[in-house]
N, C-alpha and C. Protein backbone atom coordinates (compact mmCIF):
# COMPACT_ATOMS: atom_id res chain seq x y z
N MET A 1 -14.24 -148.13 -21.66
CA MET A 1 -13.85 -149.25 -22.47
C MET A 1 -12.60 -149.88 -21.89
N SER A 2 -12.37 -151.10 -22.21
CA SER A 2 -11.22 -151.80 -21.67
C SER A 2 -10.07 -151.75 -22.66
N PRO A 3 -8.86 -152.03 -22.20
CA PRO A 3 -7.71 -152.06 -23.10
C PRO A 3 -7.94 -153.07 -24.21
N SER A 4 -7.29 -152.85 -25.32
CA SER A 4 -7.54 -153.67 -26.49
C SER A 4 -7.14 -155.12 -26.30
N GLY A 5 -6.18 -155.44 -25.43
CA GLY A 5 -5.89 -156.82 -25.09
C GLY A 5 -5.17 -157.61 -26.17
N ASN A 6 -4.81 -157.00 -27.28
CA ASN A 6 -4.04 -157.71 -28.28
C ASN A 6 -2.77 -156.93 -28.57
N SER A 7 -1.84 -157.56 -29.27
CA SER A 7 -0.55 -156.93 -29.51
C SER A 7 -0.50 -156.20 -30.85
N GLU A 8 -1.63 -156.03 -31.50
CA GLU A 8 -1.65 -155.30 -32.76
C GLU A 8 -1.31 -153.84 -32.50
N PRO A 9 -0.58 -153.23 -33.45
CA PRO A 9 -0.28 -151.80 -33.26
C PRO A 9 -1.57 -150.98 -33.33
N PRO A 10 -1.58 -149.82 -32.66
CA PRO A 10 -2.79 -148.99 -32.71
C PRO A 10 -3.05 -148.49 -34.12
N THR A 11 -4.30 -148.26 -34.42
CA THR A 11 -4.66 -147.69 -35.72
C THR A 11 -4.09 -146.28 -35.81
N PRO A 12 -3.86 -145.77 -37.03
CA PRO A 12 -3.37 -144.40 -37.16
C PRO A 12 -4.30 -143.39 -36.47
N HIS A 13 -5.60 -143.63 -36.56
CA HIS A 13 -6.57 -142.74 -35.92
C HIS A 13 -6.38 -142.72 -34.41
N LYS A 14 -6.23 -143.90 -33.80
CA LYS A 14 -6.07 -143.99 -32.35
C LYS A 14 -4.74 -143.37 -31.93
N ALA A 15 -3.68 -143.60 -32.70
CA ALA A 15 -2.36 -143.04 -32.38
C ALA A 15 -2.38 -141.51 -32.48
N LYS A 16 -3.05 -141.00 -33.49
CA LYS A 16 -3.16 -139.55 -33.68
C LYS A 16 -3.93 -138.90 -32.53
N LEU A 17 -5.03 -139.52 -32.13
CA LEU A 17 -5.83 -139.02 -31.03
C LEU A 17 -5.02 -139.07 -29.73
N ALA A 18 -4.30 -140.16 -29.51
CA ALA A 18 -3.49 -140.30 -28.30
C ALA A 18 -2.43 -139.19 -28.22
N ALA A 19 -1.75 -138.95 -29.33
CA ALA A 19 -0.72 -137.91 -29.36
C ALA A 19 -1.31 -136.53 -29.11
N ARG A 20 -2.48 -136.28 -29.68
CA ARG A 20 -3.11 -134.96 -29.51
C ARG A 20 -3.54 -134.76 -28.05
N LEU A 21 -4.09 -135.78 -27.42
CA LEU A 21 -4.50 -135.65 -26.02
C LEU A 21 -3.29 -135.44 -25.11
N LYS A 22 -2.21 -136.14 -25.39
CA LYS A 22 -0.99 -135.97 -24.61
C LYS A 22 -0.44 -134.56 -24.80
N GLN A 23 -0.47 -134.06 -26.02
CA GLN A 23 0.00 -132.72 -26.33
C GLN A 23 -0.83 -131.67 -25.58
N LEU A 24 -2.15 -131.81 -25.58
CA LEU A 24 -3.01 -130.85 -24.89
C LEU A 24 -2.74 -130.85 -23.38
N ARG A 25 -2.54 -132.02 -22.82
CA ARG A 25 -2.26 -132.09 -21.39
C ARG A 25 -0.94 -131.41 -21.07
N ALA A 26 0.07 -131.63 -21.92
CA ALA A 26 1.38 -130.98 -21.72
C ALA A 26 1.27 -129.46 -21.86
N GLU A 27 0.50 -129.00 -22.86
CA GLU A 27 0.31 -127.56 -23.06
C GLU A 27 -0.34 -126.90 -21.86
N HIS A 28 -1.19 -127.65 -21.16
CA HIS A 28 -1.87 -127.13 -19.97
C HIS A 28 -1.08 -127.36 -18.69
N GLY A 29 0.09 -128.01 -18.82
CA GLY A 29 0.96 -128.24 -17.67
C GLY A 29 0.34 -129.12 -16.60
N LEU A 30 -0.39 -130.14 -17.02
CA LEU A 30 -1.10 -131.00 -16.08
C LEU A 30 -0.49 -132.39 -15.99
N SER A 31 -0.50 -132.94 -14.80
CA SER A 31 -0.16 -134.35 -14.64
C SER A 31 -1.41 -135.17 -14.94
N LEU A 32 -1.24 -136.47 -15.11
CA LEU A 32 -2.40 -137.34 -15.32
C LEU A 32 -3.35 -137.27 -14.13
N SER A 33 -2.81 -137.22 -12.91
CA SER A 33 -3.68 -137.18 -11.72
C SER A 33 -4.44 -135.85 -11.64
N GLN A 34 -3.82 -134.76 -12.04
CA GLN A 34 -4.53 -133.47 -12.04
C GLN A 34 -5.67 -133.49 -13.07
N LEU A 35 -5.38 -134.03 -14.25
CA LEU A 35 -6.41 -134.13 -15.28
C LEU A 35 -7.54 -135.05 -14.82
N ALA A 36 -7.19 -136.13 -14.17
CA ALA A 36 -8.19 -137.08 -13.66
C ALA A 36 -9.12 -136.40 -12.66
N ARG A 37 -8.55 -135.64 -11.72
CA ARG A 37 -9.38 -134.93 -10.73
C ARG A 37 -10.29 -133.92 -11.40
N ALA A 38 -9.77 -133.22 -12.42
CA ALA A 38 -10.56 -132.17 -13.08
C ALA A 38 -11.68 -132.73 -13.95
N THR A 39 -11.50 -133.93 -14.51
CA THR A 39 -12.48 -134.47 -15.46
C THR A 39 -13.30 -135.62 -14.92
N GLY A 40 -12.87 -136.23 -13.82
CA GLY A 40 -13.57 -137.39 -13.30
C GLY A 40 -13.27 -138.66 -14.08
N ILE A 41 -12.22 -138.65 -14.88
CA ILE A 41 -11.79 -139.83 -15.64
C ILE A 41 -10.50 -140.32 -14.97
N SER A 42 -10.41 -141.61 -14.65
CA SER A 42 -9.27 -142.12 -13.89
C SER A 42 -7.95 -141.88 -14.60
N SER A 43 -6.90 -141.66 -13.81
CA SER A 43 -5.57 -141.40 -14.38
C SER A 43 -5.05 -142.63 -15.11
N SER A 44 -5.36 -143.83 -14.63
CA SER A 44 -4.90 -145.04 -15.31
C SER A 44 -5.55 -145.17 -16.69
N PHE A 45 -6.83 -144.83 -16.77
CA PHE A 45 -7.52 -144.87 -18.07
C PHE A 45 -6.97 -143.80 -19.00
N LEU A 46 -6.75 -142.59 -18.49
CA LEU A 46 -6.18 -141.52 -19.30
C LEU A 46 -4.81 -141.92 -19.84
N SER A 47 -4.01 -142.60 -19.02
CA SER A 47 -2.70 -143.07 -19.46
C SER A 47 -2.83 -144.06 -20.61
N LEU A 48 -3.77 -145.00 -20.50
CA LEU A 48 -3.99 -145.96 -21.58
C LEU A 48 -4.39 -145.25 -22.88
N ILE A 49 -5.24 -144.25 -22.76
CA ILE A 49 -5.68 -143.50 -23.95
C ILE A 49 -4.49 -142.79 -24.58
N GLU A 50 -3.67 -142.12 -23.75
CA GLU A 50 -2.53 -141.38 -24.27
C GLU A 50 -1.45 -142.29 -24.85
N GLN A 51 -1.49 -143.57 -24.52
CA GLN A 51 -0.55 -144.53 -25.09
C GLN A 51 -1.18 -145.31 -26.25
N ALA A 52 -2.41 -144.91 -26.63
CA ALA A 52 -3.15 -145.57 -27.72
C ALA A 52 -3.37 -147.05 -27.43
N GLN A 53 -3.56 -147.38 -26.15
CA GLN A 53 -3.77 -148.78 -25.76
C GLN A 53 -5.22 -149.07 -25.40
N SER A 54 -6.10 -148.10 -25.53
CA SER A 54 -7.51 -148.31 -25.22
C SER A 54 -8.34 -147.36 -26.07
N ASP A 55 -9.57 -147.76 -26.27
CA ASP A 55 -10.54 -146.88 -26.93
C ASP A 55 -11.14 -145.97 -25.88
N ILE A 56 -11.79 -144.90 -26.33
CA ILE A 56 -12.45 -143.98 -25.42
C ILE A 56 -13.87 -143.75 -25.91
N SER A 57 -14.79 -143.63 -24.98
CA SER A 57 -16.17 -143.37 -25.37
C SER A 57 -16.29 -141.94 -25.89
N ILE A 58 -17.27 -141.73 -26.72
CA ILE A 58 -17.50 -140.39 -27.26
C ILE A 58 -17.87 -139.43 -26.12
N GLY A 59 -18.64 -139.91 -25.17
CA GLY A 59 -19.01 -139.07 -24.03
C GLY A 59 -17.79 -138.59 -23.26
N ARG A 60 -16.83 -139.48 -23.02
CA ARG A 60 -15.60 -139.08 -22.31
C ARG A 60 -14.75 -138.15 -23.17
N LEU A 61 -14.72 -138.41 -24.47
CA LEU A 61 -13.96 -137.55 -25.36
C LEU A 61 -14.55 -136.14 -25.39
N VAL A 62 -15.87 -136.06 -25.39
CA VAL A 62 -16.53 -134.75 -25.31
C VAL A 62 -16.16 -134.06 -24.00
N ARG A 63 -16.12 -134.82 -22.91
CA ARG A 63 -15.74 -134.24 -21.61
C ARG A 63 -14.32 -133.65 -21.67
N LEU A 64 -13.39 -134.37 -22.30
CA LEU A 64 -12.02 -133.85 -22.43
C LEU A 64 -11.98 -132.62 -23.34
N ALA A 65 -12.72 -132.65 -24.43
CA ALA A 65 -12.76 -131.49 -25.33
C ALA A 65 -13.32 -130.27 -24.58
N GLU A 66 -14.37 -130.48 -23.80
CA GLU A 66 -14.94 -129.40 -23.00
C GLU A 66 -13.90 -128.87 -22.01
N PHE A 67 -13.19 -129.77 -21.33
CA PHE A 67 -12.20 -129.35 -20.34
C PHE A 67 -11.11 -128.50 -21.00
N TYR A 68 -10.59 -128.95 -22.15
CA TYR A 68 -9.53 -128.22 -22.84
C TYR A 68 -10.06 -127.04 -23.65
N ASP A 69 -11.38 -126.91 -23.71
CA ASP A 69 -12.04 -125.84 -24.47
C ASP A 69 -11.64 -125.88 -25.95
N VAL A 70 -11.75 -127.09 -26.52
CA VAL A 70 -11.49 -127.28 -27.94
C VAL A 70 -12.67 -128.03 -28.55
N GLU A 71 -12.74 -128.02 -29.86
CA GLU A 71 -13.76 -128.78 -30.57
C GLU A 71 -13.27 -130.22 -30.76
N LEU A 72 -14.20 -131.13 -30.99
CA LEU A 72 -13.80 -132.51 -31.27
C LEU A 72 -12.86 -132.57 -32.46
N ALA A 73 -13.08 -131.73 -33.46
CA ALA A 73 -12.21 -131.71 -34.63
C ALA A 73 -10.77 -131.38 -34.24
N ASP A 74 -10.59 -130.55 -33.22
CA ASP A 74 -9.24 -130.21 -32.75
C ASP A 74 -8.54 -131.43 -32.17
N LEU A 75 -9.30 -132.34 -31.59
CA LEU A 75 -8.71 -133.56 -31.04
C LEU A 75 -8.31 -134.52 -32.15
N LEU A 76 -9.02 -134.47 -33.25
CA LEU A 76 -8.75 -135.39 -34.35
C LEU A 76 -7.64 -134.90 -35.27
N SER A 77 -7.57 -133.59 -35.47
CA SER A 77 -6.64 -133.09 -36.49
C SER A 77 -5.77 -131.95 -36.01
N GLY A 78 -5.72 -131.69 -34.73
CA GLY A 78 -4.90 -130.61 -34.23
C GLY A 78 -5.62 -129.28 -34.31
N PRO A 79 -4.93 -128.20 -33.99
CA PRO A 79 -5.57 -126.89 -34.02
C PRO A 79 -6.08 -126.57 -35.42
N PRO A 80 -7.15 -125.79 -35.50
CA PRO A 80 -7.73 -125.48 -36.81
C PRO A 80 -6.81 -124.62 -37.66
N ALA A 81 -6.87 -124.85 -38.94
CA ALA A 81 -6.12 -124.03 -39.88
C ALA A 81 -6.85 -122.70 -40.05
N ALA A 82 -6.12 -121.71 -40.52
CA ALA A 82 -6.74 -120.41 -40.77
C ALA A 82 -7.83 -120.58 -41.82
N LEU A 83 -8.96 -119.98 -41.57
CA LEU A 83 -10.09 -120.09 -42.48
C LEU A 83 -9.94 -119.06 -43.58
N LEU A 84 -9.87 -119.52 -44.81
CA LEU A 84 -9.67 -118.63 -45.94
C LEU A 84 -10.95 -118.40 -46.72
N ASP A 85 -11.89 -119.29 -46.62
CA ASP A 85 -13.09 -119.23 -47.44
C ASP A 85 -14.29 -118.79 -46.62
N HIS A 86 -15.27 -118.25 -47.30
CA HIS A 86 -16.52 -117.89 -46.64
C HIS A 86 -17.54 -119.01 -46.73
N VAL A 87 -17.20 -120.10 -47.41
CA VAL A 87 -18.09 -121.25 -47.54
C VAL A 87 -17.30 -122.50 -47.17
N ARG A 88 -17.92 -123.37 -46.37
CA ARG A 88 -17.33 -124.67 -46.05
C ARG A 88 -18.25 -125.74 -46.60
N ILE A 89 -17.70 -126.67 -47.35
CA ILE A 89 -18.46 -127.81 -47.85
C ILE A 89 -18.39 -128.87 -46.76
N LEU A 90 -19.54 -129.35 -46.30
CA LEU A 90 -19.60 -130.32 -45.22
C LEU A 90 -19.63 -131.73 -45.79
N ARG A 91 -18.61 -132.51 -45.47
CA ARG A 91 -18.53 -133.89 -45.94
C ARG A 91 -18.09 -134.79 -44.80
N THR A 92 -18.60 -136.01 -44.81
CA THR A 92 -18.10 -136.98 -43.85
C THR A 92 -16.74 -137.45 -44.34
N ALA A 93 -15.79 -137.52 -43.45
CA ALA A 93 -14.45 -137.97 -43.80
C ALA A 93 -13.94 -138.86 -42.67
N SER A 94 -13.26 -139.95 -43.05
CA SER A 94 -12.82 -140.91 -42.03
C SER A 94 -11.84 -140.30 -41.04
N ASP A 95 -11.06 -139.30 -41.45
CA ASP A 95 -10.12 -138.70 -40.50
C ASP A 95 -10.81 -137.71 -39.56
N HIS A 96 -12.09 -137.48 -39.76
CA HIS A 96 -12.88 -136.64 -38.85
C HIS A 96 -14.02 -137.45 -38.24
N MET A 97 -13.79 -138.75 -38.04
CA MET A 97 -14.80 -139.64 -37.50
C MET A 97 -14.34 -140.20 -36.17
N LEU A 98 -15.24 -140.19 -35.21
CA LEU A 98 -15.01 -140.83 -33.91
C LEU A 98 -15.81 -142.12 -33.90
N HIS A 99 -15.13 -143.23 -33.70
CA HIS A 99 -15.77 -144.54 -33.71
C HIS A 99 -15.78 -145.09 -32.29
N SER A 100 -16.95 -145.42 -31.79
CA SER A 100 -17.05 -145.98 -30.45
C SER A 100 -17.84 -147.28 -30.51
N PRO A 101 -17.14 -148.42 -30.65
CA PRO A 101 -17.85 -149.69 -30.74
C PRO A 101 -18.65 -150.02 -29.48
N THR A 102 -18.15 -149.62 -28.31
CA THR A 102 -18.87 -149.91 -27.07
C THR A 102 -20.20 -149.17 -27.01
N GLU A 103 -20.22 -147.92 -27.45
CA GLU A 103 -21.45 -147.14 -27.44
C GLU A 103 -22.33 -147.45 -28.65
N GLY A 104 -21.75 -148.06 -29.69
CA GLY A 104 -22.50 -148.36 -30.90
C GLY A 104 -22.78 -147.13 -31.73
N VAL A 105 -21.81 -146.20 -31.75
CA VAL A 105 -22.03 -144.91 -32.42
C VAL A 105 -20.76 -144.49 -33.17
N ASP A 106 -20.96 -143.92 -34.35
CA ASP A 106 -19.90 -143.22 -35.09
C ASP A 106 -20.35 -141.78 -35.23
N VAL A 107 -19.46 -140.84 -34.91
CA VAL A 107 -19.78 -139.42 -35.03
C VAL A 107 -18.81 -138.81 -36.03
N TYR A 108 -19.36 -138.16 -37.05
CA TYR A 108 -18.57 -137.45 -38.04
C TYR A 108 -18.62 -135.97 -37.74
N ASP A 109 -17.46 -135.39 -37.47
CA ASP A 109 -17.38 -133.94 -37.29
C ASP A 109 -17.41 -133.33 -38.69
N LEU A 110 -18.41 -132.51 -38.96
CA LEU A 110 -18.57 -131.95 -40.30
C LEU A 110 -17.86 -130.61 -40.48
N THR A 111 -17.29 -130.06 -39.43
CA THR A 111 -16.65 -128.75 -39.53
C THR A 111 -15.26 -128.83 -40.11
N CYS A 112 -14.63 -130.00 -40.02
CA CYS A 112 -13.25 -130.19 -40.48
C CYS A 112 -12.33 -129.14 -39.88
N GLY A 113 -12.53 -128.81 -38.62
CA GLY A 113 -11.64 -127.90 -37.92
C GLY A 113 -11.96 -126.43 -38.05
N ALA A 114 -13.02 -126.09 -38.75
CA ALA A 114 -13.36 -124.68 -38.91
C ALA A 114 -13.79 -124.08 -37.58
N ARG A 115 -13.48 -122.83 -37.36
CA ARG A 115 -13.86 -122.11 -36.15
C ARG A 115 -15.06 -121.21 -36.46
N TRP A 116 -16.19 -121.83 -36.64
CA TRP A 116 -17.40 -121.07 -36.91
C TRP A 116 -18.33 -121.21 -35.71
N THR A 117 -19.37 -120.43 -35.72
CA THR A 117 -20.33 -120.45 -34.62
C THR A 117 -21.13 -121.75 -34.60
N LEU A 118 -21.51 -122.26 -35.76
CA LEU A 118 -22.26 -123.51 -35.84
C LEU A 118 -21.30 -124.68 -35.95
N VAL A 119 -21.51 -125.70 -35.12
CA VAL A 119 -20.64 -126.88 -35.10
C VAL A 119 -21.53 -128.09 -35.41
N PRO A 120 -21.61 -128.49 -36.70
CA PRO A 120 -22.47 -129.62 -37.07
C PRO A 120 -21.74 -130.95 -37.00
N SER A 121 -22.49 -132.00 -36.68
CA SER A 121 -21.96 -133.36 -36.71
C SER A 121 -23.06 -134.31 -37.15
N LEU A 122 -22.64 -135.39 -37.76
CA LEU A 122 -23.54 -136.46 -38.19
C LEU A 122 -23.23 -137.67 -37.33
N SER A 123 -24.24 -138.23 -36.68
CA SER A 123 -24.04 -139.40 -35.83
C SER A 123 -24.81 -140.57 -36.38
N CYS A 124 -24.14 -141.72 -36.48
CA CYS A 124 -24.74 -142.97 -36.95
C CYS A 124 -24.75 -143.95 -35.78
N PHE A 125 -25.95 -144.39 -35.40
CA PHE A 125 -26.14 -145.26 -34.23
C PHE A 125 -26.58 -146.64 -34.68
N ARG A 126 -25.93 -147.67 -34.17
CA ARG A 126 -26.44 -149.02 -34.35
C ARG A 126 -27.66 -149.19 -33.44
N PRO A 127 -28.51 -150.18 -33.67
CA PRO A 127 -29.64 -150.40 -32.76
C PRO A 127 -29.15 -150.52 -31.32
N GLY A 128 -29.75 -149.77 -30.43
CA GLY A 128 -29.34 -149.77 -29.04
C GLY A 128 -28.17 -148.85 -28.73
N GLY A 129 -27.55 -148.28 -29.78
CA GLY A 129 -26.42 -147.37 -29.58
C GLY A 129 -26.85 -146.16 -28.77
N SER A 130 -25.95 -145.69 -27.91
CA SER A 130 -26.32 -144.62 -26.99
C SER A 130 -25.09 -143.81 -26.62
N ILE A 131 -25.27 -142.50 -26.54
CA ILE A 131 -24.21 -141.60 -26.09
C ILE A 131 -24.73 -140.81 -24.90
N GLU A 132 -23.89 -140.71 -23.87
CA GLU A 132 -24.20 -139.83 -22.76
C GLU A 132 -23.22 -138.67 -22.82
N ILE A 133 -23.75 -137.46 -22.87
CA ILE A 133 -22.95 -136.25 -22.96
C ILE A 133 -23.05 -135.51 -21.63
N ASP A 134 -21.92 -135.06 -21.15
CA ASP A 134 -21.86 -134.30 -19.91
C ASP A 134 -21.19 -132.97 -20.23
N ASP A 135 -21.99 -131.96 -20.55
CA ASP A 135 -21.46 -130.65 -20.95
C ASP A 135 -21.02 -129.85 -19.75
N GLU A 136 -19.82 -129.30 -19.83
CA GLU A 136 -19.32 -128.42 -18.79
C GLU A 136 -19.82 -127.00 -19.01
N HIS A 137 -19.89 -126.56 -20.28
CA HIS A 137 -20.35 -125.22 -20.63
C HIS A 137 -21.75 -125.30 -21.21
N GLU A 138 -22.48 -124.23 -21.08
CA GLU A 138 -23.82 -124.19 -21.68
C GLU A 138 -23.69 -123.95 -23.18
N HIS A 139 -24.38 -124.78 -23.95
CA HIS A 139 -24.42 -124.64 -25.40
C HIS A 139 -25.86 -124.78 -25.86
N GLU A 140 -26.20 -124.09 -26.92
CA GLU A 140 -27.48 -124.36 -27.58
C GLU A 140 -27.22 -125.46 -28.58
N ARG A 141 -28.16 -126.41 -28.65
CA ARG A 141 -28.04 -127.54 -29.57
C ARG A 141 -29.35 -127.76 -30.30
N MET A 142 -29.19 -128.32 -31.50
CA MET A 142 -30.33 -128.77 -32.28
C MET A 142 -30.02 -130.20 -32.69
N ILE A 143 -30.98 -131.09 -32.46
CA ILE A 143 -30.86 -132.47 -32.89
C ILE A 143 -32.00 -132.72 -33.87
N TYR A 144 -31.68 -133.26 -35.04
CA TYR A 144 -32.68 -133.57 -36.05
C TYR A 144 -32.50 -135.02 -36.48
N ILE A 145 -33.57 -135.79 -36.41
CA ILE A 145 -33.52 -137.22 -36.74
C ILE A 145 -33.64 -137.40 -38.25
N LEU A 146 -32.59 -137.91 -38.87
CA LEU A 146 -32.60 -138.18 -40.31
C LEU A 146 -33.25 -139.53 -40.60
N ASP A 147 -32.91 -140.53 -39.81
CA ASP A 147 -33.47 -141.88 -39.96
C ASP A 147 -33.57 -142.51 -38.59
N GLY A 148 -34.67 -143.19 -38.32
CA GLY A 148 -34.77 -143.98 -37.10
C GLY A 148 -35.63 -143.37 -36.01
N THR A 149 -35.56 -144.00 -34.85
CA THR A 149 -36.31 -143.56 -33.67
C THR A 149 -35.32 -143.48 -32.51
N PHE A 150 -35.32 -142.34 -31.85
CA PHE A 150 -34.39 -142.07 -30.76
C PHE A 150 -35.12 -141.63 -29.52
N GLU A 151 -34.44 -141.76 -28.40
CA GLU A 151 -34.94 -141.27 -27.13
C GLU A 151 -33.93 -140.27 -26.59
N LEU A 152 -34.40 -139.07 -26.26
CA LEU A 152 -33.59 -138.01 -25.68
C LEU A 152 -33.96 -137.92 -24.21
N ALA A 153 -32.96 -138.09 -23.32
CA ALA A 153 -33.25 -138.14 -21.89
C ALA A 153 -32.35 -137.18 -21.12
N PHE A 154 -32.97 -136.38 -20.27
CA PHE A 154 -32.29 -135.50 -19.34
C PHE A 154 -32.53 -136.03 -17.93
N PRO A 155 -31.60 -135.83 -16.99
CA PRO A 155 -31.80 -136.33 -15.63
C PRO A 155 -33.11 -135.80 -15.04
N GLU A 156 -33.80 -136.69 -14.35
CA GLU A 156 -35.02 -136.35 -13.62
C GLU A 156 -36.15 -135.83 -14.52
N GLU A 157 -36.10 -136.16 -15.83
CA GLU A 157 -37.18 -135.82 -16.75
C GLU A 157 -37.58 -137.09 -17.51
N THR A 158 -38.82 -137.14 -17.93
CA THR A 158 -39.30 -138.26 -18.73
C THR A 158 -38.64 -138.18 -20.11
N PRO A 159 -38.03 -139.29 -20.59
CA PRO A 159 -37.40 -139.27 -21.91
C PRO A 159 -38.40 -138.93 -23.01
N THR A 160 -37.92 -138.26 -24.04
CA THR A 160 -38.73 -137.86 -25.18
C THR A 160 -38.35 -138.72 -26.38
N ARG A 161 -39.34 -139.29 -27.05
CA ARG A 161 -39.10 -140.10 -28.24
C ARG A 161 -39.19 -139.21 -29.47
N LEU A 162 -38.17 -139.33 -30.33
CA LEU A 162 -38.10 -138.55 -31.56
C LEU A 162 -37.96 -139.51 -32.74
N ARG A 163 -38.75 -139.27 -33.79
CA ARG A 163 -38.74 -140.13 -34.97
C ARG A 163 -38.22 -139.37 -36.19
N THR A 164 -38.01 -140.09 -37.29
CA THR A 164 -37.53 -139.48 -38.53
C THR A 164 -38.31 -138.21 -38.83
N GLY A 165 -37.58 -137.13 -39.11
CA GLY A 165 -38.21 -135.85 -39.45
C GLY A 165 -38.52 -134.98 -38.24
N GLU A 166 -38.28 -135.48 -37.04
CA GLU A 166 -38.52 -134.70 -35.83
C GLU A 166 -37.17 -134.29 -35.24
N GLY A 167 -37.22 -133.34 -34.33
CA GLY A 167 -35.99 -132.89 -33.71
C GLY A 167 -36.27 -132.16 -32.41
N ALA A 168 -35.22 -131.62 -31.83
CA ALA A 168 -35.34 -130.87 -30.59
C ALA A 168 -34.25 -129.81 -30.56
N THR A 169 -34.56 -128.70 -29.94
CA THR A 169 -33.55 -127.69 -29.65
C THR A 169 -33.52 -127.52 -28.14
N PHE A 170 -32.34 -127.30 -27.58
CA PHE A 170 -32.25 -127.14 -26.13
C PHE A 170 -30.93 -126.49 -25.76
N ARG A 171 -30.90 -125.95 -24.57
CA ARG A 171 -29.66 -125.46 -23.98
C ARG A 171 -29.13 -126.57 -23.10
N SER A 172 -27.93 -126.99 -23.38
CA SER A 172 -27.40 -128.10 -22.60
C SER A 172 -26.33 -127.60 -21.65
N VAL A 173 -26.53 -127.91 -20.42
CA VAL A 173 -25.50 -127.76 -19.41
C VAL A 173 -25.75 -128.92 -18.46
N GLY A 174 -24.75 -129.75 -18.31
CA GLY A 174 -24.95 -130.95 -17.53
C GLY A 174 -25.07 -132.15 -18.43
N ARG A 175 -25.80 -133.15 -17.98
CA ARG A 175 -25.82 -134.45 -18.62
C ARG A 175 -27.12 -134.70 -19.39
N TYR A 176 -26.97 -135.37 -20.52
CA TYR A 176 -28.12 -135.89 -21.25
C TYR A 176 -27.68 -137.11 -22.04
N ARG A 177 -28.66 -137.91 -22.46
CA ARG A 177 -28.38 -139.15 -23.20
C ARG A 177 -29.29 -139.22 -24.41
N ILE A 178 -28.71 -139.68 -25.53
CA ILE A 178 -29.49 -139.94 -26.74
C ILE A 178 -29.25 -141.40 -27.12
N THR A 179 -30.36 -142.14 -27.36
CA THR A 179 -30.30 -143.58 -27.60
C THR A 179 -31.13 -143.94 -28.82
N ASN A 180 -30.59 -144.79 -29.68
CA ASN A 180 -31.34 -145.33 -30.80
C ASN A 180 -32.22 -146.46 -30.26
N VAL A 181 -33.52 -146.22 -30.19
CA VAL A 181 -34.45 -147.24 -29.68
C VAL A 181 -35.16 -147.97 -30.82
N GLY A 182 -34.76 -147.67 -32.06
CA GLY A 182 -35.37 -148.32 -33.22
C GLY A 182 -34.72 -149.67 -33.51
N ARG A 183 -35.26 -150.37 -34.49
CA ARG A 183 -34.78 -151.71 -34.84
C ARG A 183 -33.58 -151.68 -35.78
N GLY A 184 -33.41 -150.59 -36.52
CA GLY A 184 -32.30 -150.50 -37.48
C GLY A 184 -31.35 -149.38 -37.13
N GLN A 185 -30.37 -149.21 -38.00
CA GLN A 185 -29.43 -148.10 -37.80
C GLN A 185 -30.19 -146.79 -37.85
N GLY A 186 -29.77 -145.85 -37.03
CA GLY A 186 -30.37 -144.52 -37.01
C GLY A 186 -29.31 -143.46 -37.23
N ARG A 187 -29.72 -142.36 -37.86
CA ARG A 187 -28.80 -141.25 -38.10
C ARG A 187 -29.43 -139.96 -37.62
N LEU A 188 -28.59 -139.12 -37.04
CA LEU A 188 -29.10 -137.81 -36.63
C LEU A 188 -28.06 -136.75 -36.90
N LEU A 189 -28.56 -135.56 -37.16
CA LEU A 189 -27.74 -134.38 -37.37
C LEU A 189 -27.79 -133.58 -36.08
N VAL A 190 -26.63 -133.19 -35.59
CA VAL A 190 -26.55 -132.37 -34.38
C VAL A 190 -25.82 -131.09 -34.76
N VAL A 191 -26.40 -129.96 -34.38
CA VAL A 191 -25.74 -128.67 -34.59
C VAL A 191 -25.65 -127.99 -33.24
N ARG A 192 -24.42 -127.69 -32.85
CA ARG A 192 -24.19 -126.99 -31.59
C ARG A 192 -23.73 -125.59 -31.91
N VAL A 193 -24.17 -124.63 -31.13
CA VAL A 193 -23.72 -123.26 -31.28
C VAL A 193 -22.50 -123.07 -30.40
N HIS A 194 -21.38 -122.74 -31.01
CA HIS A 194 -20.13 -122.52 -30.28
C HIS A 194 -20.17 -121.12 -29.68
N ASP A 195 -20.04 -121.06 -28.38
CA ASP A 195 -20.03 -119.78 -27.67
C ASP A 195 -18.60 -119.27 -27.64
N GLU A 196 -18.36 -118.13 -28.26
CA GLU A 196 -17.01 -117.57 -28.36
C GLU A 196 -16.43 -117.16 -27.02
N THR A 197 -17.24 -117.09 -25.95
CA THR A 197 -16.74 -116.65 -24.65
C THR A 197 -15.99 -117.75 -23.92
N HIS A 198 -16.07 -119.02 -24.40
CA HIS A 198 -15.37 -120.12 -23.70
C HIS A 198 -14.03 -120.37 -24.32
């Protein structure tokens, strides 16, 4: 995505994300150029993100979360709080939402920072909305289509069309893309299994 190009102050969400990314980089003792080499994201773009002067795609944010070995919720709200309950109520909340206008997708992290094995998220795609995920670690995933028609594509494989009520489970390592190919907004539930060894 390109810089915002206006003089409006960053949204609280963007400022919070920028501060958290800068904090993680400092904790890992990395320069912007070292982080750029490790993630394949340019140092100039990383600098804009850390200054809350640009938006970031969900795919790139996932790449950074993978690199730092944190959950997306950790990027939004800092390290997880100690878990006191044996039950978590899953709700969409604006402070746990990643908005990517360029990709046409909003992703709600439903864990709210919990460190459990299952990591659920709700994704809302505008028509044509698409996310490309590049996983560094192998994870098991389940995608279930709540509304709409989607295409799930892996490199060098024929894309698979999934409709409301259908889903897929797979082990992801590497790149894949999910695209809303329907005429209206589409929603899908994604559950990833968090591997405690990473």
